[in-house]
Amino acid sequence: MIKEYFQFLWQAIIRIFAFVSKEIRAILHQPRLIFSLILGPFLILLIFGIGYRDIPRTLNTLFVVPEESQIQGMVEEFATSLGDRINFVGIVSDPADADFQLREREVDLVVVTPLDPMTDWQNDEQATFSLYHSEVDPFEEVYIRVIGQRYTEEINQQVLMTALSQSQEEANTWHEDVAEAKTHAGAVREALAAGNATAAQNSAEALQEELSLLSMALGSGVSVVSSLEEANGQTQTASQLLAEIETLQSQIDEVLTFTEDDNMLSQGEATAVEIETSLAEVDELLQTYQEMDTNVLVAPFRSEALSITNAQIEPMHFYVPAVIALLLQHLAITLAGLSIVREKMGGAMELFRAAPVTAFETLSGKYTSYLFIIGVLAAVLTALVVLVLRVPLLGSWVFYVLVLLALLLASLGIGFHISLAARSHSQAIQYGMLTLLAAIFFSGFFLPLYRLIPPVRVVSWLLPATYGTVLLQDVMLRGEIPQLLLLLALFGFAIILWLLAWFRLARQMARG
């Protein structure tokens, strides 16, 4: 009994490997096919890697500034300093001329500036820069919108920094006003020490007038800096400066009160000393104010993107796992899809029915042969990608092979179901091309999965390339263990497809 069992098993193995040798010989007798299967995908990746450049597009930009506009000088100043994403090509006043150049593709972008921004600001309204383009690609349209937002923020910052810089330059004259105020404060103190109330009062009034002029000179510039410091949580230099000016005003009012009563001249002298001390502090604060960095005030924060991966991932590297998954799926589906239909068209299926060969042995032999052939191709392709294109493989080779095995088994399952359903070679090829087209759009190769609504994502997870793309990215680019749930799902998918293909092939062979 045991001997008969082993004899049956040995005969089954022989019949299975008969199919393996048959399919391998069929492939090897087509050298052009082998050449295209190995070098074709690599050449595609190589050309893509050489030709792809991750450089944002530079937009040739024309500005429309009405002749009566109040900001023409500001546009000319800022338009040439907006970075390398905006290529300034000139300023025109006629919107029709700009529209013609845009429609003739002479420029990529037309920026129409506001006519009277000053009036808009006075009415508590934002002045609008209108960006016109002729793009039909939604992604390019988003790019232009982002560029517009970025450079509008840049202009806002530059306008504010210019105003603050002018305020800092004016601080040189403020030092002279403070020095003049110090002279008057010293005169007040000396007059009070000598008991000359009239002279003290005259000097105090002159000091009060000087401080009023200084307070007006500080104006909105220091107030804006004070608001920025408060919002950013920075050192309150401008706020302290404004507070010191208010304190000086109060101290001068006290001195004027003391000069009206001869019995309070000594108290007035003490206050005059405090005024001199306060003026010295104002002078120091003005010096600090002049040295403040307006860039930090206007833009206190910046961003820096850092990756936790152990390699520098180039754009081409990102696409390689998806290309490998898509390619191997298509090869497996195409070879398996033509396998059984070729046997049916050539009459070999009738021989299988008459011969002592089962559906299990037939399917297992074909699975093994194509798994071996495509596995060798995958190994060669991987070597070329890693060694020649320098694509990183950060994870374990064991997990990489495991993912490829699951991907190929599931893809072969789909291919054999196509072959069992097709009635001709052209029909099998059409079905294979449909799966390729579906994989391009739904596997994450062309569009990230999050851009698809949940019901459509069901189609994505019916494609082995979707699992392969996600799992290969984990292993190759992140250096992580592949997601166990997805890997088990892909193996489960492959097992179900194999069992269903076995069942369908057995029925077709039994019909004879």
Protein backbone atom coordinates (compact mmCIF):
# COMPACT_ATOMS: atom_id res chain seq x y z
CA MET A 1 0.00 0.00 0.00
CA ILE A 2 2.77 2.39 0.98
CA LYS A 3 4.79 1.35 -2.06
CA GLU A 4 1.84 2.08 -4.35
CA TYR A 5 1.35 5.46 -2.69
CA PHE A 6 4.98 6.49 -3.23
CA GLN A 7 4.85 5.20 -6.76
CA PHE A 8 1.74 7.32 -7.44
CA LEU A 9 3.43 10.35 -5.83
CA TRP A 10 6.58 9.86 -7.86
CA GLN A 11 4.60 9.59 -11.11
CA ALA A 12 2.69 12.79 -10.18
CA ILE A 13 5.96 14.63 -9.60
CA ILE A 14 7.31 13.39 -12.93
CA ARG A 15 4.19 14.59 -14.75
CA ILE A 16 4.33 17.98 -12.96
CA PHE A 17 7.95 18.55 -13.93
CA ALA A 18 7.18 17.41 -17.45
CA PHE A 19 5.01 20.52 -17.72
CA VAL A 20 7.81 22.56 -16.13
CA SER A 21 10.37 21.45 -18.73
CA LYS A 22 7.81 21.88 -21.52
CA GLU A 23 7.00 25.51 -20.60
CA ILE A 24 10.64 26.44 -19.95
CA ARG A 25 11.71 25.03 -23.34
CA ALA A 26 8.90 26.98 -25.01
CA ILE A 27 10.20 30.21 -23.47
CA LEU A 28 13.90 29.49 -24.12
CA HIS A 29 13.22 28.81 -27.78
CA GLN A 30 12.17 32.49 -28.09
CA PRO A 31 15.40 34.50 -27.48
CA ARG A 32 13.78 37.76 -28.53
CA LEU A 33 11.12 37.25 -25.89
CA ILE A 34 13.75 36.62 -23.21
CA PHE A 35 15.68 39.70 -24.30
CA SER A 36 12.60 41.90 -24.16
CA LEU A 37 11.48 40.48 -20.82
CA ILE A 38 14.83 41.15 -19.14
CA LEU A 39 16.26 44.25 -20.79
CA GLY A 40 13.02 45.92 -21.85
CA PRO A 41 11.83 46.84 -18.34
CA PHE A 42 15.34 47.83 -17.26
CA LEU A 43 15.79 50.13 -20.27
CA ILE A 44 12.45 51.76 -19.51
CA LEU A 45 13.54 52.42 -15.92
CA LEU A 46 16.96 53.64 -17.08
CA ILE A 47 15.53 56.11 -19.60
CA PHE A 48 13.01 57.31 -17.03
CA GLY A 49 15.73 57.79 -14.44
CA ILE A 50 17.94 59.72 -16.85
CA GLY A 51 15.13 61.86 -18.20
CA TYR A 52 13.16 62.64 -15.06
CA ARG A 53 14.05 65.84 -13.21
CA ASP A 54 12.45 66.79 -9.93
CA ILE A 55 12.68 70.52 -10.67
CA PRO A 56 9.62 72.74 -10.13
CA ARG A 57 8.47 74.49 -13.24
CA THR A 58 9.56 78.09 -13.88
CA LEU A 59 6.65 80.22 -15.04
CA ASN A 60 7.25 83.01 -17.55
CA THR A 61 5.19 85.73 -15.93
CA LEU A 62 3.85 88.97 -17.36
CA PHE A 63 2.53 91.67 -15.01
CA VAL A 64 -0.38 93.95 -15.91
CA VAL A 65 -0.12 97.30 -14.12
CA PRO A 66 -2.59 100.05 -15.10
CA GLU A 67 -0.94 103.33 -16.07
CA GLU A 68 -2.62 105.20 -13.22
CA SER A 69 -1.73 102.52 -10.66
CA GLN A 70 0.00 103.73 -7.50
CA ILE A 71 2.12 100.60 -7.07
CA GLN A 72 3.93 100.39 -10.40
CA GLY A 73 7.27 101.20 -8.80
CA MET A 74 6.69 98.56 -6.10
CA VAL A 75 5.81 95.92 -8.71
CA GLU A 76 8.98 96.67 -10.68
CA GLU A 77 11.00 96.38 -7.47
CA PHE A 78 9.47 93.14 -6.16
CA ALA A 79 8.71 91.27 -9.42
CA THR A 80 12.39 90.63 -10.12
CA SER A 81 13.10 89.33 -6.61
CA LEU A 82 10.46 86.63 -6.21
CA GLY A 83 12.76 83.65 -6.70
CA ASP A 84 13.46 81.27 -9.57
CA ARG A 85 9.91 79.92 -9.91
CA ILE A 86 8.73 83.24 -11.36
CA ASN A 87 10.57 84.44 -14.47
CA PHE A 88 9.74 88.12 -14.83
CA VAL A 89 9.23 88.94 -18.55
CA GLY A 90 7.92 92.50 -18.27
CA ILE A 91 5.10 94.86 -17.39
CA VAL A 92 2.28 95.99 -19.70
CA SER A 93 -0.62 98.31 -19.06
CA ASP A 94 -3.08 96.82 -21.57
CA PRO A 95 -4.91 93.68 -20.30
CA ALA A 96 -5.83 92.74 -23.88
CA ASP A 97 -2.15 92.60 -24.84
CA ALA A 98 -1.42 90.31 -21.87
CA ASP A 99 -4.42 88.10 -22.76
CA PHE A 100 -3.15 87.75 -26.34
CA GLN A 101 0.33 86.71 -25.18
CA LEU A 102 -1.18 84.18 -22.76
CA ARG A 103 -3.43 82.63 -25.43
CA GLU A 104 -0.52 82.48 -27.88
CA ARG A 105 1.52 80.60 -25.21
CA GLU A 106 4.16 83.36 -25.21
CA VAL A 107 3.86 83.53 -21.41
CA ASP A 108 2.69 81.00 -18.82
CA LEU A 109 1.15 83.35 -16.29
CA VAL A 110 -0.37 86.83 -16.28
CA VAL A 111 -0.60 88.72 -12.99
CA VAL A 112 -3.06 91.61 -12.92
CA THR A 113 -2.22 93.99 -10.07
CA PRO A 114 -4.83 95.97 -8.12
CA LEU A 115 -5.64 99.44 -9.46
CA ASP A 116 -5.76 101.35 -6.18
CA PRO A 117 -4.57 99.23 -3.22
CA MET A 118 -4.36 102.27 -0.95
CA THR A 119 -8.11 102.79 -1.20
CA ASP A 120 -8.69 99.08 -0.59
CA TRP A 121 -6.57 99.24 2.57
CA GLN A 122 -8.36 102.34 3.80
CA ASN A 123 -11.66 100.47 3.34
CA ASP A 124 -10.29 97.52 5.38
CA GLU A 125 -10.17 95.36 2.25
CA GLN A 126 -7.35 93.26 0.87
CA ALA A 127 -5.96 94.29 -2.50
CA THR A 128 -6.19 91.36 -4.93
CA PHE A 129 -3.58 90.09 -7.39
CA SER A 130 -5.39 88.10 -10.12
CA LEU A 131 -3.43 85.22 -11.71
CA TYR A 132 -4.51 84.09 -15.18
CA HIS A 133 -3.26 80.91 -16.85
CA SER A 134 -4.21 78.48 -19.63
CA GLU A 135 -3.44 75.17 -17.89
CA VAL A 136 -5.80 72.21 -18.28
CA ASP A 137 -3.79 69.81 -16.10
CA PRO A 138 -5.38 69.89 -12.60
CA PHE A 139 -2.01 69.33 -10.94
CA GLU A 140 -0.42 72.23 -12.84
CA GLU A 141 -3.39 74.38 -11.86
CA VAL A 142 -2.83 73.52 -8.19
CA TYR A 143 0.87 74.33 -8.65
CA ILE A 144 0.03 77.79 -10.01
CA ARG A 145 -2.40 78.38 -7.14
CA VAL A 146 0.25 77.42 -4.60
CA ILE A 147 2.82 79.63 -6.36
CA GLY A 148 0.37 82.55 -6.18
CA GLN A 149 -0.25 82.04 -2.48
CA ARG A 150 3.44 81.67 -1.74
CA TYR A 151 4.50 84.81 -3.56
CA THR A 152 1.60 86.86 -2.22
CA GLU A 153 2.84 85.99 1.26
CA GLU A 154 6.36 86.89 0.11
CA ILE A 155 5.17 90.30 -1.12
CA ASN A 156 3.29 90.89 2.13
CA GLN A 157 6.45 90.12 4.09
CA GLN A 158 8.61 92.30 1.87
CA VAL A 159 6.23 95.25 2.19
CA LEU A 160 6.18 94.90 5.96
CA MET A 161 9.97 94.45 6.18
CA THR A 162 10.49 97.51 3.98
CA ALA A 163 8.31 99.61 6.28
CA LEU A 164 10.14 98.34 9.36
CA SER A 165 13.54 98.92 7.77
CA GLN A 166 12.61 102.50 6.98
CA SER A 167 11.49 102.90 10.60
CA GLN A 168 14.88 101.59 11.79
CA GLU A 169 16.73 104.00 9.49
CA GLU A 170 14.76 106.89 10.96
CA ALA A 171 15.98 105.85 14.40
CA ASN A 172 19.23 107.74 13.67
CA THR A 173 17.33 111.03 13.91
CA TRP A 174 15.55 109.78 17.03
CA HIS A 175 18.92 109.50 18.77
CA GLU A 176 19.42 113.22 18.05
CA ASP A 177 16.00 113.97 19.52
CA VAL A 178 16.88 111.98 22.64
CA ALA A 179 20.18 113.86 22.95
CA GLU A 180 18.29 117.15 22.70
CA ALA A 181 15.84 115.90 25.32
CA LYS A 182 18.74 114.99 27.60
CA THR A 183 20.02 118.57 27.33
CA HIS A 184 16.63 119.95 28.37
CA ALA A 185 16.38 117.40 31.21
CA GLY A 186 19.79 118.47 32.51
CA ALA A 187 18.70 122.11 32.36
CA VAL A 188 15.58 121.25 34.35
CA ARG A 189 17.62 119.48 37.01
CA GLU A 190 20.14 122.34 37.29
CA ALA A 191 17.40 124.99 37.48
CA LEU A 192 15.58 123.08 40.20
CA ALA A 193 18.83 122.60 42.13
CA ALA A 194 19.41 126.39 41.96
CA GLY A 195 15.83 127.07 43.07
CA ASN A 196 14.94 128.79 39.78
CA ALA A 197 11.38 127.59 39.25
CA THR A 198 10.78 129.76 36.17
CA ALA A 199 13.83 128.45 34.30
CA ALA A 200 12.96 124.91 35.35
CA GLN A 201 9.43 125.32 34.04
CA ASN A 202 10.64 126.72 30.71
CA SER A 203 13.12 123.85 30.28
CA ALA A 204 10.45 121.30 31.28
CA GLU A 205 8.05 122.69 28.69
CA ALA A 206 10.79 122.49 26.04
CA LEU A 207 11.48 118.91 27.14
CA GLN A 208 7.80 118.07 26.93
CA GLU A 209 7.61 119.43 23.39
CA GLU A 210 10.72 117.47 22.39
CA LEU A 211 9.25 114.24 23.77
CA SER A 212 5.98 114.87 21.96
CA LEU A 213 7.88 115.19 18.70
CA LEU A 214 9.82 112.00 19.50
CA SER A 215 6.62 110.14 20.34
CA MET A 216 5.09 111.21 17.02
CA ALA A 217 8.28 110.21 15.17
CA LEU A 218 8.18 106.72 16.65
CA GLY A 219 4.67 106.47 15.25
CA SER A 220 3.22 103.31 13.74
CA GLY A 221 6.57 101.64 12.96
CA VAL A 222 7.43 100.93 16.59
CA SER A 223 3.80 100.05 17.31
CA VAL A 224 3.81 97.40 14.56
CA VAL A 225 7.08 95.96 15.89
CA SER A 226 5.56 95.89 19.38
CA SER A 227 2.55 93.93 18.08
CA LEU A 228 4.82 91.47 16.22
CA GLU A 229 6.97 90.95 19.32
CA GLU A 230 3.91 90.26 21.44
CA ALA A 231 2.46 87.83 18.89
CA ASN A 232 5.79 86.00 18.46
CA GLY A 233 6.67 85.88 22.15
CA GLN A 234 9.94 87.74 21.52
CA THR A 235 11.81 90.22 23.74
CA GLN A 236 9.56 93.26 24.19
CA THR A 237 12.04 95.92 23.03
CA ALA A 238 9.51 98.06 21.16
CA SER A 239 6.94 97.68 23.93
CA GLN A 240 9.49 98.80 26.53
CA LEU A 241 10.38 101.78 24.33
CA LEU A 242 6.77 102.90 24.11
CA ALA A 243 6.33 102.34 27.86
CA GLU A 244 9.41 104.46 28.61
CA ILE A 245 8.04 107.33 26.49
CA GLU A 246 4.75 107.21 28.43
CA THR A 247 6.68 107.18 31.72
CA LEU A 248 8.68 110.23 30.63
CA GLN A 249 5.50 112.09 29.78
CA SER A 250 4.16 111.39 33.27
CA GLN A 251 7.45 112.44 34.90
CA ILE A 252 7.49 115.72 32.99
CA ASP A 253 3.92 116.42 34.09
CA GLU A 254 5.07 115.87 37.69
CA VAL A 255 8.02 118.25 37.24
CA LEU A 256 5.72 120.94 35.86
CA THR A 257 3.50 120.51 38.90
CA PHE A 258 6.47 120.75 41.29
CA THR A 259 7.71 124.00 39.65
CA GLU A 260 4.47 125.70 40.65
CA ASP A 261 5.24 125.26 44.35
CA ASP A 262 8.60 126.46 45.74
CA ASN A 263 8.31 123.95 48.61
CA MET A 264 8.34 121.00 46.16
CA LEU A 265 11.39 121.99 44.10
CA SER A 266 13.53 119.33 45.79
CA GLN A 267 11.03 116.62 44.80
CA GLY A 268 11.07 118.02 41.27
CA GLU A 269 14.86 117.73 41.22
CA ALA A 270 14.62 114.03 42.13
CA THR A 271 12.08 113.52 39.34
CA ALA A 272 14.38 115.34 36.90
CA VAL A 273 17.15 112.86 37.78
CA GLU A 274 14.70 110.01 37.02
CA ILE A 275 13.92 111.66 33.69
CA GLU A 276 17.60 111.65 32.75
CA THR A 277 17.82 107.97 33.70
CA SER A 278 14.74 107.19 31.64
CA LEU A 279 16.15 109.04 28.64
CA ALA A 280 19.36 107.01 28.89
CA GLU A 281 17.24 103.83 28.84
CA VAL A 282 15.31 105.14 25.82
CA ASP A 283 18.60 105.75 24.04
CA GLU A 284 19.72 102.16 24.73
CA LEU A 285 16.35 100.77 23.61
CA LEU A 286 16.57 102.76 20.37
CA GLN A 287 19.98 101.24 19.72
CA THR A 288 18.56 97.74 20.29
CA TYR A 289 15.58 98.61 18.07
CA GLN A 290 17.93 99.58 15.23
CA GLU A 291 19.81 96.28 15.48
CA MET A 292 16.69 94.07 15.39
CA ASP A 293 16.43 91.62 12.44
CA THR A 294 13.25 92.44 10.52
CA ASN A 295 13.28 88.99 8.86
CA VAL A 296 12.90 87.31 12.26
CA LEU A 297 10.20 89.78 13.28
CA VAL A 298 8.08 89.28 10.17
CA ALA A 299 8.76 85.53 9.74
CA PRO A 300 9.75 84.13 13.16
CA PHE A 301 9.24 80.50 12.06
CA ARG A 302 10.56 78.40 9.19
CA SER A 303 10.03 74.79 8.14
CA GLU A 304 12.58 72.04 7.59
CA ALA A 305 11.56 68.64 6.21
CA LEU A 306 13.56 65.73 7.61
CA SER A 307 13.20 62.05 6.67
CA ILE A 308 13.64 59.15 9.08
CA THR A 309 14.73 56.81 6.29
CA ASN A 310 18.37 55.75 6.07
CA ALA A 311 18.88 56.75 2.43
CA GLN A 312 18.31 59.70 0.16
CA ILE A 313 15.20 58.77 -1.82
CA GLU A 314 15.18 60.22 -5.33
CA PRO A 315 11.96 60.55 -7.37
CA MET A 316 13.00 57.63 -9.59
CA HIS A 317 13.60 55.47 -6.52
CA PHE A 318 10.02 56.07 -5.40
CA TYR A 319 8.59 54.71 -8.64
CA VAL A 320 10.80 51.61 -8.88
CA PRO A 321 8.81 49.38 -6.42
CA ALA A 322 5.58 50.21 -8.24
CA VAL A 323 7.20 49.52 -11.62
CA ILE A 324 8.53 46.16 -10.42
CA ALA A 325 5.14 45.16 -9.01
CA LEU A 326 3.29 46.30 -12.12
CA LEU A 327 5.75 44.64 -14.48
CA LEU A 328 5.83 41.29 -12.68
CA GLN A 329 2.06 41.21 -12.42
CA HIS A 330 1.71 41.88 -16.14
CA LEU A 331 4.31 39.26 -17.09
CA ALA A 332 2.69 36.63 -14.88
CA ILE A 333 -0.81 37.39 -16.13
CA THR A 334 0.30 37.46 -19.79
CA LEU A 335 2.28 34.19 -19.69
CA ALA A 336 -0.35 32.34 -17.65
CA GLY A 337 -3.17 33.89 -19.66
CA LEU A 338 -1.81 32.43 -22.89
CA SER A 339 -0.88 29.07 -21.41
CA ILE A 340 -4.08 27.01 -21.23
CA VAL A 341 -5.75 28.74 -24.16
CA ARG A 342 -2.70 27.75 -26.24
CA GLU A 343 -3.20 24.14 -25.16
CA LYS A 344 -6.88 24.30 -26.09
CA MET A 345 -6.23 25.92 -29.48
CA GLY A 346 -3.42 23.46 -30.30
CA GLY A 347 -5.38 20.36 -29.32
CA ALA A 348 -3.08 19.46 -26.42
CA MET A 349 -6.01 19.59 -24.02
CA GLU A 350 -7.52 16.54 -25.74
CA LEU A 351 -4.27 14.66 -25.16
CA PHE A 352 -4.28 15.65 -21.49
CA ARG A 353 -7.75 14.22 -21.11
CA ALA A 354 -6.67 10.90 -22.61
CA ALA A 355 -3.35 10.77 -20.74
CA PRO A 356 -3.07 9.79 -17.07
CA VAL A 357 -2.56 13.40 -16.00
CA THR A 358 -4.80 15.28 -13.58
CA ALA A 359 -5.85 18.92 -13.42
CA PHE A 360 -3.80 19.27 -10.22
CA GLU A 361 -0.63 18.05 -11.95
CA THR A 362 -1.22 20.21 -15.00
CA LEU A 363 -1.86 23.38 -13.01
CA SER A 364 0.96 22.70 -10.53
CA GLY A 365 3.43 22.15 -13.37
CA LYS A 366 2.45 25.33 -15.11
CA TYR A 367 2.54 27.31 -11.83
CA THR A 368 6.01 25.96 -11.05
CA SER A 369 7.42 26.63 -14.52
CA TYR A 370 6.17 30.21 -14.75
CA LEU A 371 7.13 30.91 -11.16
CA PHE A 372 10.67 29.78 -11.97
CA ILE A 373 10.90 31.71 -15.25
CA ILE A 374 9.51 34.99 -13.90
CA GLY A 375 11.50 34.53 -10.68
CA VAL A 376 14.73 34.44 -12.70
CA LEU A 377 13.63 37.53 -14.62
CA ALA A 378 12.76 39.28 -11.35
CA ALA A 379 16.21 38.43 -9.94
CA VAL A 380 17.98 39.84 -13.01
CA LEU A 381 15.81 42.97 -12.99
CA THR A 382 16.41 43.49 -9.27
CA ALA A 383 20.18 43.16 -9.74
CA LEU A 384 20.15 45.72 -12.54
CA VAL A 385 17.99 48.12 -10.54
CA VAL A 386 20.07 47.87 -7.36
CA LEU A 387 23.56 47.67 -8.88
CA VAL A 388 23.20 49.91 -11.94
CA LEU A 389 20.46 52.39 -11.02
CA ARG A 390 21.57 52.45 -7.36
CA VAL A 391 18.04 52.10 -6.04
CA PRO A 392 18.27 51.42 -2.29
CA LEU A 393 17.06 48.18 -0.81
CA LEU A 394 17.05 49.03 2.90
CA GLY A 395 15.12 46.03 4.17
CA SER A 396 15.79 42.31 4.33
CA TRP A 397 16.25 40.32 1.15
CA VAL A 398 14.19 37.54 2.73
CA PHE A 399 11.15 39.82 3.01
CA TYR A 400 11.79 41.13 -0.51
CA VAL A 401 11.70 37.58 -1.95
CA LEU A 402 8.66 36.73 0.16
CA VAL A 403 6.73 39.71 -1.22
CA LEU A 404 7.69 38.83 -4.79
CA LEU A 405 6.61 35.22 -4.25
CA ALA A 406 3.17 36.27 -3.01
CA LEU A 407 2.85 38.79 -5.85
CA LEU A 408 3.73 36.23 -8.53
CA LEU A 409 1.45 33.52 -7.12
CA ALA A 410 -1.54 35.87 -7.02
CA SER A 411 -0.78 37.26 -10.51
CA LEU A 412 -0.42 33.76 -11.97
CA GLY A 413 -3.78 32.90 -10.45
CA ILE A 414 -5.45 35.79 -12.29
CA GLY A 415 -3.63 34.82 -15.49
CA PHE A 416 -4.79 31.22 -15.38
CA HIS A 417 -8.39 32.30 -14.78
CA ILE A 418 -8.13 34.52 -17.86
CA SER A 419 -6.72 31.61 -19.83
CA LEU A 420 -9.51 29.30 -18.67
CA ALA A 421 -12.14 31.88 -19.69
CA ALA A 422 -10.64 32.99 -23.02
CA ARG A 423 -11.57 31.31 -26.27
CA SER A 424 -8.67 32.65 -28.34
CA HIS A 425 -5.21 34.17 -28.00
CA SER A 426 -6.44 37.67 -28.88
CA GLN A 427 -9.16 37.44 -26.23
CA ALA A 428 -6.62 36.41 -23.59
CA ILE A 429 -4.34 39.28 -24.60
CA GLN A 430 -7.23 41.75 -24.39
CA TYR A 431 -8.10 40.56 -20.88
CA GLY A 432 -4.42 40.89 -19.90
CA MET A 433 -4.26 44.44 -21.21
CA LEU A 434 -7.40 45.33 -19.26
CA THR A 435 -5.77 44.16 -16.04
CA LEU A 436 -2.66 46.19 -16.94
CA LEU A 437 -4.76 49.30 -17.54
CA ALA A 438 -6.61 48.76 -14.26
CA ALA A 439 -3.30 48.34 -12.42
CA ILE A 440 -1.91 51.58 -13.86
CA PHE A 441 -4.85 53.61 -12.60
CA PHE A 442 -5.85 51.77 -9.42
CA SER A 443 -2.71 50.17 -7.93
CA GLY A 444 -1.13 53.39 -6.68
CA PHE A 445 1.28 53.58 -9.61
CA PHE A 446 -0.37 56.55 -11.32
CA LEU A 447 -2.38 58.01 -8.44
CA PRO A 448 -1.97 57.54 -4.68
CA LEU A 449 -4.72 55.40 -3.21
CA TYR A 450 -5.99 58.12 -0.87
CA ARG A 451 -7.20 60.07 -3.92
CA LEU A 452 -9.70 57.30 -4.68
CA ILE A 453 -13.05 57.15 -2.91
CA PRO A 454 -13.52 54.07 -0.66
CA PRO A 455 -15.87 52.15 -3.02
CA VAL A 456 -13.36 52.47 -5.89
CA ARG A 457 -10.52 51.41 -3.62
CA VAL A 458 -12.12 47.94 -3.59
CA VAL A 459 -10.93 47.58 -7.19
CA SER A 460 -7.42 48.54 -6.07
CA TRP A 461 -7.26 45.79 -3.47
CA LEU A 462 -8.35 43.19 -6.04
CA LEU A 463 -5.08 43.78 -7.91
CA PRO A 464 -1.87 42.05 -6.75
CA ALA A 465 0.18 45.07 -7.93
CA THR A 466 -1.47 47.21 -5.23
CA TYR A 467 -0.23 44.90 -2.47
CA GLY A 468 3.13 44.55 -4.20
CA THR A 469 3.63 48.32 -4.48
CA VAL A 470 2.86 49.00 -0.81
CA LEU A 471 4.88 46.04 0.49
CA LEU A 472 7.90 46.65 -1.76
CA GLN A 473 7.98 50.32 -0.72
CA ASP A 474 8.06 49.19 2.91
CA VAL A 475 10.94 46.78 2.31
CA MET A 476 13.00 48.72 -0.25
CA LEU A 477 12.57 52.37 0.67
CA ARG A 478 11.64 52.30 4.37
CA GLY A 479 13.67 49.28 5.45
CA GLU A 480 10.71 47.97 7.43
CA ILE A 481 9.11 44.57 7.86
CA PRO A 482 6.25 44.31 5.32
CA GLN A 483 2.80 44.80 6.76
CA LEU A 484 1.79 41.34 7.93
CA LEU A 485 -1.92 41.80 7.24
CA LEU A 486 -1.32 42.78 3.60
CA LEU A 487 1.22 40.00 3.06
CA LEU A 488 -1.14 37.36 4.47
CA ALA A 489 -4.02 38.79 2.43
CA LEU A 490 -1.92 38.50 -0.75
CA PHE A 491 -0.98 34.88 0.02
CA GLY A 492 -4.62 34.15 0.85
CA PHE A 493 -5.67 35.76 -2.42
CA ALA A 494 -3.19 33.53 -4.28
CA ILE A 495 -4.41 30.35 -2.55
CA ILE A 496 -8.06 31.11 -3.31
CA LEU A 497 -7.25 31.80 -6.96
CA TRP A 498 -5.25 28.57 -7.20
CA LEU A 499 -8.06 26.47 -5.74
CA LEU A 500 -10.64 28.06 -8.05
CA ALA A 501 -8.37 27.56 -11.07
CA TRP A 502 -7.86 23.90 -10.09
CA PHE A 503 -11.62 23.45 -9.86
CA ARG A 504 -12.28 25.12 -13.21
CA LEU A 505 -9.52 23.23 -15.01
CA ALA A 506 -10.74 19.92 -13.59
CA ARG A 507 -14.23 20.63 -14.93
CA GLN A 508 -12.92 21.52 -18.38
CA MET A 509 -10.75 18.39 -18.54
CA ALA A 510 -13.64 16.23 -17.33
CA ARG A 511 -15.94 17.43 -20.13
CA GLY A 512 -13.95 15.43 -22.65
